[in-house]
């Protein structure tokens, strides 16, 4: 898992970056065995933040997967319109709460309350 396992828990999701030492450790491991990073983040976000080639990335809790040799899977795309509705409802209910953050991802929505 990216947030809280490979990186520290931080106040805002945009501030969670992989340390160079962790990146090096993962690269060394990937040279010996298959490695995957699973995250609630969007696939492109976690891939950019980790920046390691030739490993499997599972974004959106596994709903969006990519990896070496053309591996690519997306599940439950038919539910994306429902997520739009839920996102709007969460904003209505949480936008007035100081410190609350609604973060839309492709296949999920996070309601962050760490700073409330």
C-alpha atoms as a PDB file:
ATOM      1  CA  UNK A   1       0.000   0.000   0.000  1.00  0.00           C
ATOM      2  CA  UNK A   2       1.326   3.424  -0.892  1.00  0.00           C
ATOM      3  CA  UNK A   3      -0.107   5.777   1.755  1.00  0.00           C
ATOM      4  CA  UNK A   4       0.924   4.897   5.275  1.00  0.00           C
ATOM      5  CA  UNK A   5       3.015   1.865   4.339  1.00  0.00           C
ATOM      6  CA  UNK A   6       5.446   2.940   1.636  1.00  0.00           C
ATOM      7  CA  UNK A   7       5.051   6.597   2.623  1.00  0.00           C
ATOM      8  CA  UNK A   8       4.297   8.389   5.847  1.00  0.00           C
ATOM      9  CA  UNK A   9       0.769   9.450   6.729  1.00  0.00           C
ATOM     10  CA  UNK A  10       0.582  13.168   5.978  1.00  0.00           C
ATOM     11  CA  UNK A  11      -2.018  15.883   6.505  1.00  0.00           C
ATOM     12  CA  UNK A  12      -2.839  16.226   2.819  1.00  0.00           C
ATOM     13  CA  UNK A  13      -2.699  13.442   0.190  1.00  0.00           C
ATOM     14  CA  UNK A  14      -0.737  15.594  -2.255  1.00  0.00           C
ATOM     15  CA  UNK A  15       2.157  15.676   0.221  1.00  0.00           C
ATOM     16  CA  UNK A  16       2.753  11.901   0.289  1.00  0.00           C
ATOM     17  CA  UNK A  17       5.901  11.235  -1.720  1.00  0.00           C
ATOM     18  CA  UNK A  18       7.994   8.086  -1.827  1.00  0.00           C
ATOM     19  CA  UNK A  19      11.407   8.523  -0.205  1.00  0.00           C
ATOM     20  CA  UNK A  20      14.365   7.837  -2.483  1.00  0.00           C
ATOM     21  CA  UNK A  21      15.541   5.083  -0.131  1.00  0.00           C
ATOM     22  CA  UNK A  22      12.155   3.329  -0.372  1.00  0.00           C
ATOM     23  CA  UNK A  23      12.154   3.688  -4.163  1.00  0.00           C
ATOM     24  CA  UNK A  24      15.617   2.111  -4.298  1.00  0.00           C
ATOM     25  CA  UNK A  25      14.523  -0.740  -2.022  1.00  0.00           C
ATOM     26  CA  UNK A  26      11.508  -1.456  -4.230  1.00  0.00           C
ATOM     27  CA  UNK A  27      13.640  -1.343  -7.380  1.00  0.00           C
ATOM     28  CA  UNK A  28      16.092  -3.815  -5.865  1.00  0.00           C
ATOM     29  CA  UNK A  29      13.237  -6.091  -4.846  1.00  0.00           C
ATOM     30  CA  UNK A  30      11.640  -5.836  -8.301  1.00  0.00           C
ATOM     31  CA  UNK A  31      14.901  -7.009  -9.861  1.00  0.00           C
ATOM     32  CA  UNK A  32      14.487 -10.280  -7.947  1.00  0.00           C
ATOM     33  CA  UNK A  33      10.743 -10.937  -7.817  1.00  0.00           C
ATOM     34  CA  UNK A  34       7.453  -9.505  -9.105  1.00  0.00           C
ATOM     35  CA  UNK A  35       6.392  -6.411  -7.167  1.00  0.00           C
ATOM     36  CA  UNK A  36       3.034  -4.662  -7.053  1.00  0.00           C
ATOM     37  CA  UNK A  37       1.933  -1.458  -5.377  1.00  0.00           C
ATOM     38  CA  UNK A  38      -1.722  -1.367  -4.389  1.00  0.00           C
ATOM     39  CA  UNK A  39      -3.287   1.980  -3.589  1.00  0.00           C
ATOM     40  CA  UNK A  40      -6.552   3.777  -3.171  1.00  0.00           C
ATOM     41  CA  UNK A  41      -5.043   6.499  -5.336  1.00  0.00           C
ATOM     42  CA  UNK A  42      -5.749   6.749  -9.019  1.00  0.00           C
ATOM     43  CA  UNK A  43      -3.481   4.538 -11.075  1.00  0.00           C
ATOM     44  CA  UNK A  44      -1.677   7.395 -12.828  1.00  0.00           C
ATOM     45  CA  UNK A  45      -1.140   9.215  -9.534  1.00  0.00           C
ATOM     46  CA  UNK A  46       0.452   6.279  -7.710  1.00  0.00           C
ATOM     47  CA  UNK A  47       2.520   5.344 -10.766  1.00  0.00           C
ATOM     48  CA  UNK A  48       3.872   8.894 -11.053  1.00  0.00           C
ATOM     49  CA  UNK A  49       4.606   9.138  -7.328  1.00  0.00           C
ATOM     50  CA  UNK A  50       6.398   5.784  -7.152  1.00  0.00           C
ATOM     51  CA  UNK A  51       8.185   6.184 -10.473  1.00  0.00           C
ATOM     52  CA  UNK A  52       9.326   2.576 -10.776  1.00  0.00           C
ATOM     53  CA  UNK A  53       9.272   0.838 -14.137  1.00  0.00           C
ATOM     54  CA  UNK A  54       8.393  -2.815 -14.691  1.00  0.00           C
ATOM     55  CA  UNK A  55       6.202  -3.364 -11.637  1.00  0.00           C
ATOM     56  CA  UNK A  56       2.452  -3.809 -11.328  1.00  0.00           C
ATOM     57  CA  UNK A  57       0.369  -0.887 -10.107  1.00  0.00           C
ATOM     58  CA  UNK A  58      -3.152  -1.405  -8.802  1.00  0.00           C
ATOM     59  CA  UNK A  59      -4.864   1.941  -8.404  1.00  0.00           C
ATOM     60  CA  UNK A  60      -8.318   2.626  -7.005  1.00  0.00           C
ATOM     61  CA  UNK A  61      -8.076  -0.353  -4.638  1.00  0.00           C
ATOM     62  CA  UNK A  62      -7.517  -2.714  -7.554  1.00  0.00           C
ATOM     63  CA  UNK A  63     -10.219  -1.425  -9.899  1.00  0.00           C
ATOM     64  CA  UNK A  64      -7.523  -0.077 -12.256  1.00  0.00           C
ATOM     65  CA  UNK A  65      -4.442  -2.242 -12.860  1.00  0.00           C
ATOM     66  CA  UNK A  66      -1.435  -1.808 -15.137  1.00  0.00           C
ATOM     67  CA  UNK A  67       1.923  -3.461 -15.401  1.00  0.00           C
ATOM     68  CA  UNK A  68       4.641  -4.900 -17.574  1.00  0.00           C
ATOM     69  CA  UNK A  69       3.974  -6.665 -20.865  1.00  0.00           C
ATOM     70  CA  UNK A  70       0.834  -4.651 -21.590  1.00  0.00           C
ATOM     71  CA  UNK A  71      -1.062  -5.654 -18.471  1.00  0.00           C
ATOM     72  CA  UNK A  72      -4.135  -3.407 -18.212  1.00  0.00           C
ATOM     73  CA  UNK A  73      -7.456  -4.035 -16.465  1.00  0.00           C
ATOM     74  CA  UNK A  74     -10.289  -1.737 -15.416  1.00  0.00           C
ATOM     75  CA  UNK A  75     -13.251  -3.064 -13.499  1.00  0.00           C
ATOM     76  CA  UNK A  76     -16.721  -1.647 -12.814  1.00  0.00           C
ATOM     77  CA  UNK A  77     -16.598   1.236 -15.280  1.00  0.00           C
ATOM     78  CA  UNK A  78     -20.388   1.010 -15.495  1.00  0.00           C
ATOM     79  CA  UNK A  79     -20.603   2.466 -11.976  1.00  0.00           C
ATOM     80  CA  UNK A  80     -18.737   5.693 -12.770  1.00  0.00           C
ATOM     81  CA  UNK A  81     -21.953   7.732 -13.262  1.00  0.00           C
ATOM     82  CA  UNK A  82     -23.150   6.629  -9.804  1.00  0.00           C
ATOM     83  CA  UNK A  83     -19.896   7.879  -8.325  1.00  0.00           C
ATOM     84  CA  UNK A  84     -20.602  11.302  -9.829  1.00  0.00           C
ATOM     85  CA  UNK A  85     -23.895  11.391  -7.927  1.00  0.00           C
ATOM     86  CA  UNK A  86     -22.277  10.265  -4.682  1.00  0.00           C
ATOM     87  CA  UNK A  87     -19.502  12.825  -5.059  1.00  0.00           C
ATOM     88  CA  UNK A  88     -22.036  15.642  -5.392  1.00  0.00           C
ATOM     89  CA  UNK A  89     -23.887  14.430  -2.300  1.00  0.00           C
ATOM     90  CA  UNK A  90     -20.681  14.209  -0.267  1.00  0.00           C
ATOM     91  CA  UNK A  91     -19.758  17.759  -1.235  1.00  0.00           C
ATOM     92  CA  UNK A  92     -23.190  18.977  -0.111  1.00  0.00           C
ATOM     93  CA  UNK A  93     -22.773  17.305   3.262  1.00  0.00           C
ATOM     94  CA  UNK A  94     -19.070  17.880   3.950  1.00  0.00           C
ATOM     95  CA  UNK A  95     -18.013  21.124   2.277  1.00  0.00           C
ATOM     96  CA  UNK A  96     -19.185  23.140   5.283  1.00  0.00           C
ATOM     97  CA  UNK A  97     -17.000  21.186   7.714  1.00  0.00           C
ATOM     98  CA  UNK A  98     -13.662  22.885   8.268  1.00  0.00           C
ATOM     99  CA  UNK A  99     -10.787  20.541   7.439  1.00  0.00           C
ATOM    100  CA  UNK A 100     -12.912  17.954   5.623  1.00  0.00           C
ATOM    101  CA  UNK A 101     -11.794  17.082   2.106  1.00  0.00           C
ATOM    102  CA  UNK A 102     -13.697  15.199  -0.578  1.00  0.00           C
ATOM    103  CA  UNK A 103     -11.231  13.728  -3.046  1.00  0.00           C
ATOM    104  CA  UNK A 104     -12.632  12.230  -6.247  1.00  0.00           C
ATOM    105  CA  UNK A 105     -10.678   9.486  -7.868  1.00  0.00           C
ATOM    106  CA  UNK A 106     -11.617   7.637 -11.023  1.00  0.00           C
ATOM    107  CA  UNK A 107     -13.122   4.591  -9.315  1.00  0.00           C
ATOM    108  CA  UNK A 108     -13.679   5.863  -5.790  1.00  0.00           C
ATOM    109  CA  UNK A 109     -14.225   8.862  -3.574  1.00  0.00           C
ATOM    110  CA  UNK A 110     -12.285   9.569  -0.401  1.00  0.00           C
ATOM    111  CA  UNK A 111     -13.737  11.612   2.426  1.00  0.00           C
ATOM    112  CA  UNK A 112     -10.703  12.794   4.400  1.00  0.00           C
ATOM    113  CA  UNK A 113     -11.352  13.845   7.982  1.00  0.00           C
ATOM    114  CA  UNK A 114      -7.808  13.828   9.392  1.00  0.00           C
ATOM    115  CA  UNK A 115      -7.732  17.639   9.581  1.00  0.00           C
ATOM    116  CA  UNK A 116     -11.211  18.146  11.081  1.00  0.00           C
END
